[in-house]
Amino acid sequence: MSDKKAPAVGTLTLDTRSGRVGRVMDFKWSHVQLRPPQGGIEWAARPEDLRPLNPRDDLSARVAELNAHSRSGL
């Protein structure tokens, strides 16, 4: 993704460099801060390494996030 097409905060996206799915939390300098959908430690990714999720990946990430919230009582 180019800077002009950087995902919005709150969007689930795939970091192609690490192979991990993350929710966009913030933009810092030239990087995007991502957090796993089920919670955890944020990591930084370059905008050009991000791509939108396909429908299957999106559903899987959302289910993982809901399951994590239900276990923690949120």
Protein backbone atom coordinates (compact mmCIF):
# COMPACT_ATOMS: atom_id res chain seq x y z
CA MET A 1 0.00 0.00 0.00
CA SER A 2 1.26 3.41 -0.76
CA ASP A 3 1.04 6.22 1.77
CA LYS A 4 -1.99 7.57 -0.11
CA LYS A 5 -3.79 4.26 0.41
CA ALA A 6 -2.69 3.59 3.98
CA PRO A 7 -5.41 1.76 5.91
CA ALA A 8 -7.54 3.72 8.36
CA VAL A 9 -7.12 3.34 12.11
CA GLY A 10 -9.22 0.38 13.26
CA THR A 11 -8.85 -1.52 9.98
CA LEU A 12 -7.73 -5.14 9.95
CA THR A 13 -4.89 -5.68 7.49
CA LEU A 14 -2.24 -8.26 6.57
CA ASP A 15 1.43 -7.52 7.13
CA THR A 16 2.90 -9.41 4.17
CA ARG A 17 6.42 -9.18 5.58
CA SER A 18 5.58 -11.03 8.81
CA GLY A 19 2.48 -12.89 7.59
CA ARG A 20 0.49 -11.60 10.57
CA VAL A 21 -2.91 -9.95 10.66
CA GLY A 22 -3.20 -6.78 12.70
CA ARG A 23 -5.56 -3.95 13.52
CA VAL A 24 -4.21 -0.52 12.61
CA MET A 25 -3.70 1.39 15.86
CA ASP A 26 -1.66 4.44 14.85
CA PHE A 27 0.78 5.93 12.38
CA LYS A 28 4.29 6.73 13.63
CA TRP A 29 6.79 8.38 11.33
CA SER A 30 6.87 6.20 8.22
CA HIS A 31 5.38 3.10 9.87
CA VAL A 32 1.95 1.79 10.81
CA GLN A 33 1.44 0.42 14.32
CA LEU A 34 -0.48 -2.88 14.29
CA ARG A 35 -1.88 -5.00 17.11
CA PRO A 36 -3.04 -8.63 16.84
CA PRO A 37 -6.87 -8.83 16.67
CA GLN A 38 -6.99 -10.96 19.82
CA GLY A 39 -4.84 -8.45 21.70
CA GLY A 40 -1.17 -8.40 22.46
CA ILE A 41 1.94 -6.42 21.72
CA GLU A 42 1.92 -3.95 18.85
CA TRP A 43 4.46 -4.09 16.07
CA ALA A 44 5.49 -1.65 13.36
CA ALA A 45 5.05 -2.33 9.67
CA ARG A 46 5.84 -0.37 6.54
CA PRO A 47 2.75 0.79 4.65
CA GLU A 48 4.01 -0.84 1.46
CA ASP A 49 4.02 -4.24 3.24
CA LEU A 50 0.31 -4.05 4.08
CA ARG A 51 -2.59 -5.37 2.06
CA PRO A 52 -6.32 -5.67 2.69
CA LEU A 53 -7.60 -8.97 4.01
CA ASN A 54 -9.52 -11.29 1.76
CA PRO A 55 -13.00 -12.19 3.10
CA ARG A 56 -11.83 -15.48 4.64
CA ASP A 57 -8.90 -13.89 6.50
CA ASP A 58 -11.10 -11.01 7.64
CA LEU A 59 -13.72 -13.37 9.10
CA SER A 60 -11.07 -15.51 10.79
CA ALA A 61 -9.42 -12.46 12.39
CA ARG A 62 -12.77 -11.10 13.61
CA VAL A 63 -13.73 -14.45 15.15
CA ALA A 64 -10.35 -14.65 16.92
CA GLU A 65 -10.88 -11.14 18.26
CA LEU A 66 -14.40 -11.92 19.54
CA ASN A 67 -13.22 -15.15 21.14
CA ALA A 68 -10.41 -13.34 22.94
CA HIS A 69 -12.84 -10.71 24.23
CA SER A 70 -15.31 -13.33 25.44
CA ARG A 71 -12.54 -15.13 27.37
CA SER A 72 -11.43 -11.89 29.04
CA GLY A 73 -14.98 -10.80 29.88
CA LEU A 74 -15.06 -7.72 27.64
